[in-house]
N, C-alpha and C. Protein backbone atom coordinates (compact mmCIF):
# COMPACT_ATOMS: atom_id res chain seq x y z
N MET A 1 120.67 85.96 141.89
CA MET A 1 119.99 88.06 141.93
C MET A 1 118.98 87.79 141.27
N GLN A 2 117.65 88.72 141.83
CA GLN A 2 116.28 88.73 140.71
C GLN A 2 117.09 89.72 139.86
N LEU A 3 115.78 89.46 139.24
CA LEU A 3 116.58 90.23 138.06
C LEU A 3 115.01 91.43 138.31
N THR A 4 115.04 92.06 137.83
CA THR A 4 113.34 93.10 137.55
C THR A 4 113.99 94.41 136.41
N VAL A 5 112.62 94.54 136.08
CA VAL A 5 112.70 95.57 135.11
C VAL A 5 111.49 96.74 134.79
N LEU A 6 111.95 97.14 134.86
CA LEU A 6 111.89 98.73 134.97
C LEU A 6 111.46 100.21 133.40
N VAL A 7 110.33 100.67 133.35
CA VAL A 7 109.77 100.20 133.08
C VAL A 7 108.85 102.11 133.04
N GLU A 8 108.93 103.37 131.66
CA GLU A 8 108.01 103.97 132.01
C GLU A 8 107.69 104.18 132.45
N GLY A 9 105.54 103.59 131.48
CA GLY A 9 104.93 103.72 131.39
C GLY A 9 104.59 103.20 131.43
N GLU A 10 102.81 102.25 131.42
CA GLU A 10 102.21 100.95 131.35
C GLU A 10 102.30 100.69 130.20
N SER A 11 102.55 101.70 129.05
CA SER A 11 101.98 101.18 128.12
C SER A 11 103.81 100.06 127.33
N ASP A 12 104.49 100.65 127.63
CA ASP A 12 105.73 99.68 127.49
C ASP A 12 106.47 98.25 128.38
N ARG A 13 105.34 98.70 129.49
CA ARG A 13 105.02 97.54 130.29
C ARG A 13 103.79 96.74 129.00
N VAL A 14 103.28 96.62 129.58
CA VAL A 14 101.57 95.96 127.97
C VAL A 14 102.73 95.64 126.57
N ALA A 15 103.17 96.26 126.40
CA ALA A 15 104.09 96.08 125.29
C ALA A 15 105.12 94.61 125.09
N LEU A 16 106.04 94.97 125.93
CA LEU A 16 106.39 93.41 126.86
C LEU A 16 106.05 92.47 127.57
N GLU A 17 104.71 92.78 127.79
CA GLU A 17 104.58 91.32 128.47
C GLU A 17 103.81 91.03 127.45
N THR A 18 103.04 91.56 126.62
CA THR A 18 102.73 90.33 125.61
C THR A 18 103.37 90.51 124.44
N LEU A 19 104.01 91.16 124.02
CA LEU A 19 105.70 90.01 123.02
C LEU A 19 106.03 89.17 124.09
N ALA A 20 105.92 89.08 125.55
CA ALA A 20 106.82 87.83 126.05
C ALA A 20 105.79 86.56 126.35
N ALA A 21 104.60 86.95 126.37
CA ALA A 21 103.53 86.01 126.89
C ALA A 21 104.38 85.21 124.41
N ARG A 22 103.35 86.78 123.57
CA ARG A 22 104.16 85.84 122.47
C ARG A 22 104.31 84.67 122.05
N MET A 23 106.07 85.24 121.96
CA MET A 23 107.19 84.69 122.45
C MET A 23 107.65 83.38 123.39
N GLY A 24 107.02 83.30 124.22
CA GLY A 24 106.85 81.82 125.53
C GLY A 24 108.22 82.91 126.69
N VAL A 25 108.69 83.66 126.04
CA VAL A 25 108.98 84.09 126.95
C VAL A 25 108.64 84.56 128.68
N ARG A 26 109.42 83.94 129.84
CA ARG A 26 109.03 83.94 130.91
C ARG A 26 109.19 85.90 132.03
N MET A 27 108.57 86.47 131.82
CA MET A 27 108.77 87.50 132.33
C MET A 27 108.87 87.96 133.64
N PRO A 28 110.06 88.54 133.56
CA PRO A 28 110.38 88.39 135.66
C PRO A 28 109.33 89.85 135.96
N ALA A 29 109.00 90.36 136.86
CA ALA A 29 108.89 91.84 137.68
C ALA A 29 109.22 92.50 136.65
N VAL A 30 107.76 93.22 136.27
CA VAL A 30 108.38 94.81 135.33
C VAL A 30 107.17 95.30 136.54
N ARG A 31 108.24 96.73 137.08
CA ARG A 31 108.00 97.92 137.39
C ARG A 31 107.74 98.87 137.27
N VAL A 32 106.29 99.60 136.30
CA VAL A 32 106.51 100.64 136.06
C VAL A 32 106.37 102.32 137.49
N VAL A 33 107.03 103.41 136.86
CA VAL A 33 108.25 103.68 138.00
C VAL A 33 107.87 105.46 137.33
N GLY A 34 106.90 105.32 136.16
CA GLY A 34 106.06 107.08 136.31
C GLY A 34 107.27 107.80 135.48
N GLY A 35 107.24 107.33 134.78
CA GLY A 35 108.96 107.96 134.13
C GLY A 35 109.56 108.49 134.45
N SER A 36 110.41 108.83 134.00
CA SER A 36 111.93 107.84 133.90
C SER A 36 112.47 108.68 135.17
N LYS A 37 112.14 110.23 135.94
CA LYS A 37 112.63 110.58 137.18
C LYS A 37 112.48 109.82 138.11
N GLY A 38 111.65 108.53 137.95
CA GLY A 38 110.93 107.41 139.31
C GLY A 38 112.61 106.93 138.78
N ALA A 39 113.28 106.75 138.09
CA ALA A 39 113.99 105.01 137.90
C ALA A 39 114.95 105.16 139.33
N ARG A 40 115.42 106.32 139.43
CA ARG A 40 116.78 106.79 141.04
C ARG A 40 116.17 106.49 141.93
N ARG A 41 114.16 106.38 142.24
CA ARG A 41 113.76 105.86 143.86
C ARG A 41 113.68 104.09 143.60
N ALA A 42 112.61 104.14 142.60
CA ALA A 42 113.18 102.27 142.26
C ALA A 42 114.57 101.51 142.34
N ALA A 43 115.63 102.12 141.85
CA ALA A 43 117.11 101.53 141.76
C ALA A 43 116.87 101.46 143.22
N ASP A 44 117.00 102.17 143.91
CA ASP A 44 117.49 102.31 145.78
C ASP A 44 116.44 101.51 146.53
N GLU A 45 114.64 100.94 145.80
CA GLU A 45 113.70 99.97 146.72
C GLU A 45 114.48 99.58 146.36
N LEU A 46 114.88 98.91 145.09
CA LEU A 46 115.10 97.30 144.22
C LEU A 46 116.88 97.46 145.26
N ALA A 47 117.68 98.34 145.65
CA ALA A 47 118.77 96.99 145.91
C ALA A 47 119.38 95.80 145.88
N GLY A 48 119.64 96.47 145.02
CA GLY A 48 120.65 94.17 145.40
C GLY A 48 119.53 94.29 144.41
N GLU A 49 118.74 94.12 144.00
CA GLU A 49 119.23 93.27 142.48
C GLU A 49 119.13 93.80 141.13
N ARG A 50 119.04 93.10 140.59
CA ARG A 50 119.19 93.21 138.79
C ARG A 50 118.90 94.30 138.22
N LEU A 51 118.53 95.04 137.69
CA LEU A 51 117.42 95.62 137.52
C LEU A 51 118.18 96.28 135.49
N ILE A 52 116.59 96.20 135.23
CA ILE A 52 117.61 96.57 133.56
C ILE A 52 116.49 97.38 133.10
N GLY A 53 115.94 97.79 132.02
CA GLY A 53 115.02 98.65 131.69
C GLY A 53 115.00 99.11 130.25
N LEU A 54 113.58 99.66 129.60
CA LEU A 54 113.13 100.12 128.67
C LEU A 54 113.10 101.57 128.61
N VAL A 55 113.77 102.38 127.71
CA VAL A 55 112.87 104.15 127.97
C VAL A 55 113.11 104.91 126.46
N ASP A 56 113.08 104.84 126.48
CA ASP A 56 112.78 106.92 125.02
C ASP A 56 114.01 107.15 125.74
N ALA A 57 114.04 107.43 123.94
CA ALA A 57 115.33 107.62 123.76
C ALA A 57 115.63 109.26 124.47
N GLY A 58 114.60 110.18 124.86
CA GLY A 58 114.79 111.52 125.93
C GLY A 58 115.06 111.16 126.69
N GLU A 59 115.39 110.09 127.80
CA GLU A 59 115.53 110.11 128.96
C GLU A 59 116.12 108.87 129.10
N ARG A 60 116.93 108.46 128.34
CA ARG A 60 117.77 107.34 129.07
C ARG A 60 118.61 107.65 129.79
N ALA A 61 119.56 109.10 130.13
CA ALA A 61 120.14 108.94 131.01
C ALA A 61 119.20 108.81 131.98
N ASP A 62 118.16 109.15 132.49
CA ASP A 62 118.05 109.21 133.76
C ASP A 62 118.37 107.28 134.06
N PHE A 63 117.98 106.83 133.32
CA PHE A 63 117.85 105.16 133.25
C PHE A 63 119.06 104.12 133.18
N GLU A 64 120.60 105.67 132.69
CA GLU A 64 121.78 104.85 132.61
C GLU A 64 121.89 105.33 133.97
N ARG A 65 121.85 105.78 134.33
CA ARG A 65 122.61 106.42 136.16
C ARG A 65 122.43 104.99 137.31
N VAL A 66 121.62 104.76 136.61
CA VAL A 66 120.96 103.53 137.95
C VAL A 66 120.94 102.09 137.25
N LEU A 67 120.60 101.83 136.53
CA LEU A 67 120.19 100.48 135.89
C LEU A 67 121.27 99.54 135.76
N ASP A 68 121.51 98.75 135.15
CA ASP A 68 122.47 97.67 134.73
C ASP A 68 122.63 97.52 133.37
N ARG A 69 121.02 97.56 132.68
CA ARG A 69 121.61 97.31 131.96
C ARG A 69 120.17 98.73 130.84
N VAL A 70 120.09 99.56 129.87
CA VAL A 70 119.41 99.75 129.09
C VAL A 70 118.46 99.85 127.95
N PHE A 71 117.88 100.09 127.53
CA PHE A 71 117.46 99.34 126.83
C PHE A 71 116.55 101.10 125.40
N VAL A 72 116.42 101.09 124.67
CA VAL A 72 116.40 102.63 124.24
C VAL A 72 115.58 102.93 122.92
N CYS A 73 114.47 102.94 123.12
CA CYS A 73 112.75 103.02 122.38
C CYS A 73 113.43 104.40 120.63
N ASP A 74 113.93 104.86 120.36
CA ASP A 74 114.29 105.58 119.48
C ASP A 74 112.46 106.43 118.69
N PRO A 75 111.94 107.22 119.28
CA PRO A 75 112.32 108.04 119.91
C PRO A 75 111.56 107.31 120.97
N ASP A 76 110.37 106.57 121.11
CA ASP A 76 110.22 106.66 122.19
C ASP A 76 109.03 104.54 121.61
N LEU A 77 108.53 104.37 122.57
CA LEU A 77 107.54 102.82 122.19
C LEU A 77 106.86 103.42 120.65
N GLU A 78 106.08 104.13 120.73
CA GLU A 78 105.76 104.33 119.42
C GLU A 78 105.98 104.56 118.44
N GLY A 79 106.35 104.62 117.76
CA GLY A 79 108.14 105.04 116.87
C GLY A 79 108.19 103.75 116.46
N GLU A 80 109.29 103.28 117.52
CA GLU A 80 109.77 101.55 117.26
C GLU A 80 108.05 101.22 116.35
N PHE A 81 107.43 100.79 117.05
CA PHE A 81 106.21 99.65 116.53
C PHE A 81 105.95 100.19 115.19
N VAL A 82 105.81 101.70 114.96
CA VAL A 82 105.84 102.91 113.77
C VAL A 82 106.54 102.10 112.50
N ARG A 83 107.54 101.50 112.99
CA ARG A 83 108.92 101.93 112.18
C ARG A 83 109.11 99.98 111.78
N ALA A 84 108.33 99.14 113.02
CA ALA A 84 108.77 97.90 112.00
C ALA A 84 107.36 97.24 111.57
N LEU A 85 106.26 98.72 111.90
CA LEU A 85 104.97 97.94 111.26
C LEU A 85 104.26 98.29 110.03
N GLY A 86 105.88 99.78 109.31
CA GLY A 86 105.21 100.96 109.00
C GLY A 86 104.24 101.43 108.75
N VAL A 87 104.06 102.42 108.36
CA VAL A 87 102.67 103.80 108.63
C VAL A 87 101.22 103.04 108.02
N ASP A 88 100.99 102.32 107.69
CA ASP A 88 100.35 101.43 106.46
C ASP A 88 99.92 100.11 107.51
N GLY A 89 100.18 99.70 108.21
CA GLY A 89 100.59 98.43 109.06
C GLY A 89 99.71 99.30 110.63
N VAL A 90 100.05 100.41 110.64
CA VAL A 90 99.96 100.96 111.99
C VAL A 90 98.08 101.53 111.89
N GLU A 91 98.19 101.64 109.92
CA GLU A 91 96.66 102.50 110.52
C GLU A 91 96.04 100.92 109.96
N ALA A 92 95.92 100.12 109.51
CA ALA A 92 95.24 98.60 109.77
C ALA A 92 94.71 98.66 111.28
N VAL A 93 96.17 97.92 112.36
CA VAL A 93 95.77 98.21 113.72
C VAL A 93 94.26 99.52 113.90
N ILE A 94 94.78 100.36 113.62
CA ILE A 94 93.59 101.80 114.44
C ILE A 94 92.38 100.75 113.92
N ALA A 95 92.19 100.66 112.80
CA ALA A 95 90.99 100.52 111.43
C ALA A 95 90.06 99.71 111.91
N GLY A 96 91.02 98.38 112.49
CA GLY A 96 90.59 97.14 112.71
C GLY A 96 89.57 97.72 114.27
N GLN A 97 90.03 98.48 114.94
CA GLN A 97 89.86 99.43 116.07
C GLN A 97 88.11 100.37 116.11
N GLY A 98 88.08 100.09 114.46
CA GLY A 98 86.77 101.57 113.89
C GLY A 98 87.72 102.55 114.15
N GLU A 99 88.95 103.36 114.67
CA GLU A 99 89.57 104.13 114.82
C GLU A 99 90.17 104.82 113.36
N LEU A 100 89.53 104.89 112.60
CA LEU A 100 90.41 104.99 111.52
C LEU A 100 89.84 106.70 111.10
N GLY A 101 88.66 106.70 110.99
CA GLY A 101 88.24 107.83 110.84
C GLY A 101 88.37 108.86 111.06
N SER A 102 88.61 108.47 112.95
CA SER A 102 88.74 109.56 113.84
C SER A 102 90.71 109.65 113.42
N PHE A 103 91.38 109.18 113.03
CA PHE A 103 92.83 109.74 112.87
C PHE A 103 92.74 110.33 111.44
N ARG A 104 91.87 110.06 110.57
CA ARG A 104 91.73 110.82 109.57
C ARG A 104 91.53 112.39 109.75
N SER A 105 90.63 112.47 111.01
CA SER A 105 90.00 113.67 111.46
C SER A 105 90.89 114.50 112.08
N LEU A 106 91.61 113.64 113.10
CA LEU A 106 93.04 114.36 113.41
C LEU A 106 94.07 114.70 112.06
N GLN A 107 94.55 114.38 111.64
CA GLN A 107 94.97 114.33 110.03
C GLN A 107 94.50 115.85 109.56
N ARG A 108 93.60 115.58 109.26
CA ARG A 108 92.87 117.04 108.65
C ARG A 108 93.41 118.23 109.46
N GLN A 109 93.61 118.62 110.82
CA GLN A 109 93.56 119.33 112.36
C GLN A 109 94.54 120.41 111.14
N PRO A 110 94.29 122.02 111.74
CA PRO A 110 95.14 122.70 110.93
C PRO A 110 96.68 122.39 110.62
N PHE A 111 97.02 122.29 112.82
CA PHE A 111 97.95 122.25 113.13
C PHE A 111 98.52 120.62 112.93
N GLN A 112 98.29 119.51 112.04
CA GLN A 112 98.45 118.65 111.96
C GLN A 112 99.17 117.73 110.29
N ARG A 113 98.26 119.04 109.95
CA ARG A 113 98.28 118.86 107.83
C ARG A 113 99.81 119.56 107.83
N GLY A 114 99.96 118.73 107.09
CA GLY A 114 102.15 118.35 106.06
C GLY A 114 103.12 117.38 107.51
N ARG A 115 102.22 116.97 108.24
CA ARG A 115 103.49 117.60 109.20
C ARG A 115 103.51 115.45 108.88
N PRO A 116 104.16 114.77 109.24
CA PRO A 116 104.85 113.27 108.89
C PRO A 116 103.70 112.42 109.85
N ALA A 117 103.47 111.52 108.92
CA ALA A 117 102.09 110.89 109.70
C ALA A 117 102.71 110.18 110.81
N GLU A 118 104.06 109.87 111.13
CA GLU A 118 104.92 109.67 112.37
C GLU A 118 104.01 109.84 113.68
N ALA A 119 104.25 111.77 112.91
CA ALA A 119 104.42 113.41 114.51
C ALA A 119 102.47 112.79 114.13
N GLN A 120 102.04 112.46 112.93
CA GLN A 120 100.55 112.49 113.52
C GLN A 120 99.64 111.03 114.06
N LEU A 121 100.53 109.49 114.26
CA LEU A 121 100.52 108.80 114.90
C LEU A 121 100.75 109.02 116.23
N ALA A 122 101.84 109.61 116.54
CA ALA A 122 102.33 109.75 118.05
C ALA A 122 101.08 110.26 118.41
N ARG A 123 100.82 111.51 118.13
CA ARG A 123 99.51 112.81 118.50
C ARG A 123 98.04 111.51 118.62
N PHE A 124 97.92 111.16 117.95
CA PHE A 124 97.05 110.11 118.61
C PHE A 124 97.04 108.75 119.04
N PHE A 125 97.88 108.01 118.91
CA PHE A 125 99.00 107.35 120.77
C PHE A 125 98.14 108.60 121.77
N GLY A 126 98.87 109.36 122.21
CA GLY A 126 98.39 110.06 122.63
C GLY A 126 97.62 111.22 123.39
N GLY A 127 96.65 111.29 122.57
CA GLY A 127 95.24 112.27 122.26
C GLY A 127 94.98 111.48 123.65
N ARG A 128 94.80 110.18 123.49
CA ARG A 128 93.28 110.18 124.37
C ARG A 128 93.55 109.05 125.74
N SER A 129 93.04 109.48 127.23
CA SER A 129 93.12 108.42 128.00
C SER A 129 93.37 107.45 127.17
N GLY A 130 94.10 106.54 128.07
CA GLY A 130 94.31 105.05 127.82
C GLY A 130 94.50 104.19 126.57
N ASN A 131 94.72 105.81 125.95
CA ASN A 131 95.39 105.09 124.86
C ASN A 131 96.18 104.66 124.16
N LYS A 132 98.28 104.75 124.77
CA LYS A 132 98.55 104.69 124.00
C LYS A 132 98.76 102.68 124.87
N ALA A 133 99.33 102.52 126.37
CA ALA A 133 97.89 101.76 126.91
C ALA A 133 97.91 100.44 126.42
N ARG A 134 96.67 100.89 125.38
CA ARG A 134 95.70 99.46 124.75
C ARG A 134 96.41 100.12 123.25
N TYR A 135 96.41 100.68 122.30
CA TYR A 135 97.44 100.51 121.29
C TYR A 135 98.98 100.06 121.54
N ALA A 136 99.41 99.97 122.31
CA ALA A 136 100.99 98.95 122.88
C ALA A 136 100.34 97.42 122.90
N ARG A 137 99.20 96.86 123.24
CA ARG A 137 98.82 96.11 123.89
C ARG A 137 98.48 95.56 121.57
N LEU A 138 98.09 95.58 120.93
CA LEU A 138 97.01 95.55 119.87
C LEU A 138 98.64 96.75 119.32
N LEU A 139 99.34 97.34 118.90
CA LEU A 139 100.77 96.96 118.01
C LEU A 139 101.65 95.08 118.63
N ALA A 140 101.84 94.87 119.68
CA ALA A 140 102.80 94.51 120.15
C ALA A 140 101.75 92.81 119.29
N GLU A 141 100.74 92.55 119.51
CA GLU A 141 99.74 91.86 118.97
C GLU A 141 100.08 91.95 117.09
N ALA A 142 100.13 92.35 116.75
CA ALA A 142 100.72 92.47 114.96
C ALA A 142 101.75 92.80 114.97
N VAL A 143 102.40 93.55 115.70
CA VAL A 143 104.68 93.11 115.04
C VAL A 143 104.89 91.71 114.52
N PRO A 144 104.87 91.13 113.10
CA PRO A 144 105.90 89.67 112.97
C PRO A 144 106.47 89.27 114.30
N LEU A 145 107.13 88.30 114.66
CA LEU A 145 108.37 87.98 116.12
C LEU A 145 109.13 88.28 114.72
N ASP A 146 109.31 88.51 113.67
CA ASP A 146 110.91 88.88 112.43
C ASP A 146 110.99 89.90 112.80
N ARG A 147 110.05 91.02 113.80
CA ARG A 147 110.20 92.61 113.59
C ARG A 147 109.97 92.78 114.25
N VAL A 148 110.35 92.43 115.17
CA VAL A 148 109.78 92.74 116.85
C VAL A 148 111.22 94.32 117.05
N PRO A 149 110.50 95.06 117.82
CA PRO A 149 111.81 96.29 117.68
C PRO A 149 113.24 95.82 118.39
N ALA A 150 114.26 96.75 117.90
CA ALA A 150 114.98 96.09 118.62
C ALA A 150 115.01 95.82 119.72
N PRO A 151 115.11 97.85 120.56
CA PRO A 151 114.88 97.56 121.65
C PRO A 151 114.09 96.24 122.72
N LEU A 152 112.68 96.08 121.87
CA LEU A 152 112.14 95.20 123.04
C LEU A 152 113.20 93.82 123.01
N ALA A 153 113.34 93.42 121.87
CA ALA A 153 113.92 92.00 121.27
C ALA A 153 114.83 92.11 122.12
N GLY A 154 116.12 93.35 122.13
CA GLY A 154 116.79 92.81 123.18
C GLY A 154 116.62 92.67 124.66
N LEU A 155 115.78 93.12 125.21
CA LEU A 155 115.30 93.36 126.97
C LEU A 155 114.59 92.04 126.81
N LEU A 156 113.65 91.06 125.83
CA LEU A 156 113.55 90.26 126.06
C LEU A 156 114.30 89.08 125.54
N ALA A 157 115.50 88.90 125.57
CA ALA A 157 117.27 88.09 124.99
C ALA A 157 117.17 88.16 126.17
N GLU A 158 117.23 89.02 126.84
CA GLU A 158 118.09 88.89 128.30
C GLU A 158 117.19 88.20 129.06
N LEU A 159 116.82 88.53 128.83
CA LEU A 159 115.68 87.38 129.88
C LEU A 159 115.55 86.06 130.15
């Protein structure tokens, strides 16, 4: 039986493939379903295959209804990496891209002042087109292999 991995978005695919390469794990087909609601359609198209997936906590039910095994990011992929690397570690990755000044500007915005750094980072990652996928790769490259977030490590171990 063929194994296929379903993920909500491109950033999930990028993170998994980056970590798999670093860990020497052969990655099966990964299908981006375009949000959790796409899981049912994808599962129908892949009937007869073993399906596992990676999903954000808020959308887990959509995946759990139709997949064989689901790994859940709490609250999302970026949150998992922030916990694994720490805020300072994530800021170091941002600084390495020459964007720490941009992040600091975001932190000074009236709505962002006083919010937890994790919420500010979530806004930063989601604020520009392509940013989530780009930082998914960078964070997956930066995380020490002994600190890979549990949902990603679990999914990769399942392969």
